[in-house]
Amino acid sequence: MQQRPFRQIDVFSHHPGFGNPVAVVLDAQGLSDADMRRFAAWTNLSETTFLMPPTAAGHAAGADYRLRIFSPRGELPFAGHPTLGTCRAWLQQGHTPRVPGLVVQESAQGLVQIEHQGETLAFAAPPLQRSKPSPALVPLVASALGLRPHQIQATQLLDNGPVWLGLLLDSAETVLGLTPDHARLKDLGQDVGVIHIAPDAGDDPERPGAVVRAFAAPMGNPEDPVTGSLNASLAQWLIAEGLAPTRYLVAQGECLGRAGRVYIRQDAQGQVWVGGHTVTCIEGTALL
C-alpha cells in the first residue's frame, strides 16, 4: 500500500455540497481491479475514479489520460459527473492537455473530449443508441413513480453506456412532486430519468429552463443528485426530436437539497456538449 494523491470534487455546482461529489485517485498505477472495487465501496459515493496513463492505443489516438470509473457495485464504462470531476482534478495536479483547451479522456466507452475554459468544463456527449421502450415497461414504471398516463408526453430508451428510460413529463411540478416507490423500481431493473422542458427554455441560457430527476435504484442509488450521462442522453434525444432547444440550462437535485446546474448546448456540427462548474472539497492523499 502507498499514499496516493486524492481529491474529492463537487460537480455541477459553484458551491461545495450543492452538486454531485466524485472521489478521484490521481495515481492508480499498480492497483488491481479488486483494490479499486474495494476503495469505491469504502468511499460509498455514487462513483470513484482512478487515473492512469493512457494505453498505447489511447495515446496514439490522442488521449491525455486513462480513466476507470467504479460505483460501490462495480465498474462503469462511462459516467458524466466523474468525467468532469476527474478532469478538474487532473488539471489541478498540474497537467496540461496535448491540445490547448481540449482534454481527451480514454475510458471503457472510448475517447471523450472535454473542453475547459476557466472553471467551466464540458464533455462531448458520447454516441447514443435509442429506441422505443417495451410497451409493457412504461406502465409499470409510471405506476412505481405515481404518474398518470396523461402526464407522460414522450418516452425513449437511452443508452450511452448507462441505460436510462427517459420520460418527458408535462410540468416541472409533476417532476418535482414525484414520490417514487424505489423498491418497485429496483425490482423492475430499469434506471429512469424524468425531465420537463419549459416552452421558453432556450431564451436565457443562464436561467434553468428544464428540471430533471434521476432514479437509479437498480444501481443502488435511489435518486442521483446531478447526472451528466442522463442529461447527455436526454439532450441528444429531445433536441433531435425538436422537443428541446439547442441550448438550455438544467436544474437537478432540488428534492435532495442540492442545486445542480447542467449546461446543455449543441454546436454547429450537431455535437451535444454537457457542462458545468466544479469545486474541490477535499485534497490530500489516500492510503491504498
Protein backbone atom coordinates (compact mmCIF):
# COMPACT_ATOMS: atom_id res chain seq x y z
CA MET A 1 0.00 0.00 0.00
CA GLN A 2 1.13 3.56 -0.63
CA GLN A 3 0.00 7.14 -0.26
CA ARG A 4 -1.65 8.28 -3.48
CA PRO A 5 -2.80 11.81 -4.44
CA PHE A 6 -6.52 12.14 -3.81
CA ARG A 7 -9.22 14.73 -4.38
CA GLN A 8 -12.96 14.89 -3.88
CA ILE A 9 -14.65 17.19 -6.36
CA ASP A 10 -18.19 18.54 -6.28
CA VAL A 11 -19.52 18.67 -9.84
CA PHE A 12 -22.23 20.83 -11.44
CA SER A 13 -22.05 23.43 -8.68
CA HIS A 14 -20.21 26.63 -7.73
CA HIS A 15 -20.64 25.85 -4.03
CA PRO A 16 -19.30 22.85 -2.06
CA GLY A 17 -22.03 20.44 -1.05
CA PHE A 18 -24.61 21.50 -3.64
CA GLY A 19 -23.56 19.34 -6.63
CA ASN A 20 -22.61 15.68 -7.05
CA PRO A 21 -19.32 14.52 -5.49
CA VAL A 22 -16.77 12.19 -7.05
CA ALA A 23 -13.69 10.72 -5.37
CA VAL A 24 -10.56 10.78 -7.56
CA VAL A 25 -7.40 8.72 -7.07
CA LEU A 26 -4.84 10.52 -9.22
CA ASP A 27 -2.25 7.73 -9.45
CA ALA A 28 -3.81 4.29 -9.77
CA GLN A 29 -0.75 2.54 -11.21
CA GLY A 30 -0.36 -0.92 -9.69
CA LEU A 31 -3.88 -1.16 -8.28
CA SER A 32 -5.83 -4.31 -9.10
CA ASP A 33 -9.49 -4.40 -10.06
CA ALA A 34 -10.23 -5.73 -6.58
CA ASP A 35 -8.33 -2.81 -4.99
CA MET A 36 -10.38 -0.31 -6.98
CA ARG A 37 -13.68 -2.03 -6.24
CA ARG A 38 -12.87 -2.14 -2.54
CA PHE A 39 -11.91 1.53 -2.34
CA ALA A 40 -15.00 2.59 -4.30
CA ALA A 41 -17.18 0.62 -1.92
CA TRP A 42 -15.39 2.28 1.01
CA THR A 43 -15.88 5.85 -0.24
CA ASN A 44 -19.56 4.93 -0.68
CA LEU A 45 -20.06 7.68 -3.26
CA SER A 46 -22.01 7.02 -6.42
CA GLU A 47 -18.67 6.93 -8.30
CA THR A 48 -14.96 6.82 -7.55
CA THR A 49 -12.42 7.24 -10.35
CA PHE A 50 -8.87 6.03 -10.88
CA LEU A 51 -6.40 7.84 -13.12
CA MET A 52 -3.56 6.23 -15.02
CA PRO A 53 -1.58 6.83 -18.22
CA PRO A 54 -3.43 6.07 -21.46
CA THR A 55 -2.94 2.74 -23.17
CA ALA A 56 -0.66 2.64 -26.21
CA ALA A 57 -3.70 2.68 -28.48
CA GLY A 58 -5.30 5.50 -26.49
CA HIS A 59 -2.13 7.59 -26.58
CA ALA A 60 -1.83 7.10 -30.33
CA ALA A 61 -5.43 8.29 -30.69
CA GLY A 62 -4.74 11.45 -28.69
CA ALA A 63 -5.72 10.54 -25.11
CA ASP A 64 -4.21 12.58 -22.28
CA TYR A 65 -5.04 10.03 -19.59
CA ARG A 66 -6.97 6.84 -18.94
CA LEU A 67 -9.88 6.76 -16.52
CA ARG A 68 -11.60 3.86 -14.80
CA ILE A 69 -14.91 4.52 -13.04
CA PHE A 70 -16.29 2.38 -10.22
CA SER A 71 -19.53 2.56 -8.29
CA PRO A 72 -19.78 0.67 -4.99
CA ARG A 73 -21.21 -2.20 -7.06
CA GLY A 74 -18.71 -2.39 -9.91
CA GLU A 75 -17.11 -0.72 -12.92
CA LEU A 76 -18.95 1.63 -15.28
CA PRO A 77 -17.99 2.25 -18.93
CA PHE A 78 -18.87 5.95 -18.75
CA ALA A 79 -20.38 8.49 -16.38
CA GLY A 80 -20.79 12.23 -16.73
CA HIS A 81 -20.01 13.91 -13.42
CA PRO A 82 -16.98 11.63 -12.80
CA THR A 83 -15.65 12.66 -16.21
CA LEU A 84 -15.79 16.37 -15.37
CA GLY A 85 -14.63 15.97 -11.76
CA THR A 86 -11.67 13.82 -12.73
CA CYS A 87 -10.66 16.24 -15.48
CA ARG A 88 -10.70 19.09 -12.95
CA ALA A 89 -8.51 17.07 -10.54
CA TRP A 90 -6.09 16.17 -13.35
CA LEU A 91 -5.73 19.82 -14.37
CA GLN A 92 -5.28 20.94 -10.75
CA GLN A 93 -2.50 18.36 -10.41
CA GLY A 94 -0.53 20.48 -12.88
CA HIS A 95 -1.10 18.51 -16.07
CA THR A 96 -1.70 20.16 -19.43
CA PRO A 97 -3.54 18.64 -22.38
CA ARG A 98 -1.81 17.87 -25.65
CA VAL A 99 -4.29 20.17 -27.42
CA PRO A 100 -4.73 23.51 -25.59
CA GLY A 101 -8.23 23.87 -24.17
CA LEU A 102 -9.25 20.30 -25.02
CA VAL A 103 -8.63 17.30 -22.77
CA VAL A 104 -9.04 13.82 -24.26
CA GLN A 105 -10.04 11.09 -21.82
CA GLU A 106 -9.74 7.37 -22.50
CA SER A 107 -12.37 5.22 -20.82
CA ALA A 108 -14.04 1.87 -21.39
CA GLN A 109 -16.64 3.65 -23.52
CA GLY A 110 -13.93 5.10 -25.78
CA LEU A 111 -12.37 8.55 -26.12
CA VAL A 112 -14.23 11.50 -24.61
CA GLN A 113 -13.37 15.12 -25.41
CA ILE A 114 -13.61 17.68 -22.61
CA GLU A 115 -13.47 21.43 -23.22
CA HIS A 116 -12.12 23.61 -20.42
CA GLN A 117 -12.45 27.35 -20.12
CA GLY A 118 -11.51 28.63 -16.68
CA GLU A 119 -13.68 26.91 -14.09
CA THR A 120 -16.16 25.58 -16.65
CA LEU A 121 -15.77 22.11 -18.13
CA ALA A 122 -17.95 20.41 -20.75
CA PHE A 123 -17.76 16.90 -22.18
CA ALA A 124 -18.83 15.84 -25.65
CA ALA A 125 -21.80 13.52 -25.23
CA PRO A 126 -20.80 10.03 -26.39
CA PRO A 127 -22.72 8.31 -29.19
CA LEU A 128 -26.26 7.45 -28.19
CA GLN A 129 -28.32 4.42 -29.03
CA ARG A 130 -32.03 4.98 -28.52
CA SER A 131 -35.18 3.02 -29.14
CA LYS A 132 -38.81 2.75 -28.14
CA PRO A 133 -39.16 1.04 -24.76
CA SER A 134 -41.17 -2.12 -24.31
CA PRO A 135 -44.89 -1.22 -24.19
CA ALA A 136 -45.20 -3.32 -21.05
CA LEU A 137 -42.40 -1.45 -19.23
CA VAL A 138 -43.72 2.11 -19.30
CA PRO A 139 -46.98 1.49 -17.37
CA LEU A 140 -45.07 -0.43 -14.70
CA VAL A 141 -42.53 2.38 -14.29
CA ALA A 142 -45.29 5.00 -14.34
CA SER A 143 -47.11 3.17 -11.56
CA ALA A 144 -43.91 2.97 -9.47
CA LEU A 145 -43.40 6.72 -9.95
CA GLY A 146 -47.03 7.58 -9.23
CA LEU A 147 -47.57 9.01 -12.72
CA ARG A 148 -50.84 9.09 -14.65
CA PRO A 149 -50.73 8.36 -18.41
CA HIS A 150 -51.58 11.93 -19.47
CA GLN A 151 -48.56 13.28 -17.56
CA ILE A 152 -46.13 11.41 -19.85
CA GLN A 153 -45.60 13.23 -23.13
CA ALA A 154 -42.87 11.07 -24.69
CA THR A 155 -40.69 8.06 -23.83
CA GLN A 156 -37.40 6.68 -25.07
CA LEU A 157 -34.86 4.05 -24.04
CA LEU A 158 -31.46 5.76 -23.95
CA ASP A 159 -28.06 4.03 -23.97
CA ASN A 160 -24.72 5.89 -23.87
CA GLY A 161 -23.06 3.39 -21.55
CA PRO A 162 -25.62 3.62 -18.75
CA VAL A 163 -29.12 2.69 -19.94
CA TRP A 164 -31.95 5.02 -18.92
CA LEU A 165 -35.66 5.03 -19.58
CA GLY A 166 -36.30 8.68 -20.43
CA LEU A 167 -39.70 10.21 -19.70
CA LEU A 168 -40.71 13.68 -20.88
CA LEU A 169 -43.30 14.96 -18.40
CA ASP A 170 -45.96 17.65 -18.65
CA SER A 171 -44.75 20.11 -16.00
CA ALA A 172 -41.97 20.97 -13.56
CA GLU A 173 -44.48 20.45 -10.76
CA THR A 174 -45.04 16.87 -11.89
CA VAL A 175 -41.29 16.19 -11.93
CA LEU A 176 -40.66 17.73 -8.53
CA GLY A 177 -43.75 16.18 -6.95
CA LEU A 178 -42.85 12.56 -7.66
CA THR A 179 -42.55 10.24 -4.66
CA PRO A 180 -41.23 7.04 -6.24
CA ASP A 181 -41.52 3.54 -4.86
CA HIS A 182 -37.81 2.80 -5.10
CA ALA A 183 -38.23 -0.85 -4.13
CA ARG A 184 -40.56 -1.40 -7.10
CA LEU A 185 -38.18 0.44 -9.43
CA LYS A 186 -35.34 -1.77 -8.22
CA ASP A 187 -37.41 -4.89 -8.91
CA LEU A 188 -38.10 -3.62 -12.44
CA GLY A 189 -34.35 -3.34 -13.01
CA GLN A 190 -34.58 -0.12 -15.03
CA ASP A 191 -32.95 3.23 -14.24
CA VAL A 192 -35.33 6.10 -15.02
CA GLY A 193 -34.75 9.75 -15.88
CA VAL A 194 -37.59 12.29 -15.97
CA ILE A 195 -37.48 15.77 -17.47
CA HIS A 196 -39.68 18.76 -18.17
CA ILE A 197 -38.62 21.39 -20.70
CA ALA A 198 -40.26 24.81 -20.35
CA PRO A 199 -41.56 26.41 -23.57
CA ASP A 200 -39.07 29.29 -23.13
CA ALA A 201 -36.16 27.05 -22.06
CA GLY A 202 -33.74 28.44 -24.65
CA ASP A 203 -34.50 32.14 -24.13
CA ASP A 204 -32.00 32.68 -21.30
CA PRO A 205 -29.21 30.06 -21.04
CA GLU A 206 -28.34 31.32 -17.54
CA ARG A 207 -31.83 30.62 -16.18
CA PRO A 208 -32.92 26.99 -15.67
CA GLY A 209 -35.38 26.05 -18.40
CA ALA A 210 -35.51 22.34 -17.61
CA VAL A 211 -35.84 20.26 -14.48
CA VAL A 212 -34.52 16.69 -14.24
CA ARG A 213 -34.58 13.85 -11.73
CA ALA A 214 -32.72 10.55 -11.96
CA PHE A 215 -33.85 7.36 -10.23
CA ALA A 216 -31.24 4.59 -10.21
CA ALA A 217 -32.40 2.09 -7.58
CA PRO A 218 -31.14 -0.88 -9.68
CA MET A 219 -27.63 0.61 -9.38
CA GLY A 220 -28.07 1.08 -5.64
CA ASN A 221 -28.69 4.84 -5.85
CA PRO A 222 -32.41 5.59 -5.36
CA GLU A 223 -32.04 9.20 -6.58
CA ASP A 224 -28.89 10.68 -8.07
CA PRO A 225 -28.27 14.35 -7.23
CA VAL A 226 -26.97 15.56 -10.62
CA THR A 227 -26.38 13.23 -13.56
CA GLY A 228 -24.18 14.04 -16.55
CA SER A 229 -24.76 10.85 -18.56
CA LEU A 230 -28.55 11.10 -18.23
CA ASN A 231 -28.60 14.78 -19.19
CA ALA A 232 -26.42 13.98 -22.20
CA SER A 233 -28.77 11.29 -23.49
CA LEU A 234 -31.92 13.30 -22.73
CA ALA A 235 -30.50 16.26 -24.65
CA GLN A 236 -29.49 14.14 -27.66
CA TRP A 237 -32.97 12.61 -27.81
CA LEU A 238 -35.03 15.74 -27.22
CA ILE A 239 -33.01 18.09 -29.43
CA ALA A 240 -33.09 15.56 -32.28
CA GLU A 241 -36.88 15.29 -31.97
CA GLY A 242 -37.38 19.07 -31.82
CA LEU A 243 -38.64 18.82 -28.23
CA ALA A 244 -35.85 20.93 -26.72
CA PRO A 245 -33.82 23.94 -27.88
CA THR A 246 -30.18 23.59 -28.86
CA ARG A 247 -29.06 25.41 -25.71
CA TYR A 248 -30.63 25.28 -22.25
CA LEU A 249 -29.82 25.04 -18.54
CA VAL A 250 -30.96 22.13 -16.37
CA ALA A 251 -31.76 22.29 -12.65
CA GLN A 252 -31.35 18.96 -10.83
CA GLY A 253 -31.08 17.96 -7.19
CA GLU A 254 -33.59 20.27 -5.51
CA CYS A 255 -35.52 17.37 -4.00
CA LEU A 256 -32.29 16.24 -2.29
CA GLY A 257 -31.26 19.64 -1.01
CA ARG A 258 -28.78 20.18 -3.87
CA ALA A 259 -28.69 22.89 -6.53
CA GLY A 260 -27.05 21.26 -9.53
CA ARG A 261 -26.83 23.19 -12.79
CA VAL A 262 -26.06 21.45 -16.08
CA TYR A 263 -25.34 23.48 -19.23
CA ILE A 264 -26.52 21.85 -22.46
CA ARG A 265 -25.61 23.05 -25.94
CA GLN A 266 -25.47 21.59 -29.42
CA ASP A 267 -22.76 23.01 -31.68
CA ALA A 268 -22.94 23.71 -35.41
CA GLN A 269 -21.70 20.20 -36.19
CA GLY A 270 -24.53 18.63 -34.17
CA GLN A 271 -22.36 17.57 -31.22
CA VAL A 272 -24.08 17.91 -27.84
CA TRP A 273 -21.90 19.23 -25.00
CA VAL A 274 -22.71 18.79 -21.31
CA GLY A 275 -21.03 21.23 -18.96
CA GLY A 276 -20.91 22.68 -15.51
CA HIS A 277 -18.81 24.15 -12.75
CA THR A 278 -16.67 22.12 -10.36
CA VAL A 279 -15.22 22.81 -6.91
CA THR A 280 -12.60 20.88 -4.94
CA CYS A 281 -13.86 19.95 -1.48
CA ILE A 282 -11.10 17.60 -0.23
CA GLU A 283 -7.42 17.44 -1.20
CA GLY A 284 -4.76 15.15 0.21
CA THR A 285 -3.62 11.55 -0.06
CA ALA A 286 -5.30 8.17 0.25
CA LEU A 287 -3.56 5.02 1.52
CA LEU A 288 -4.29 2.15 -0.84
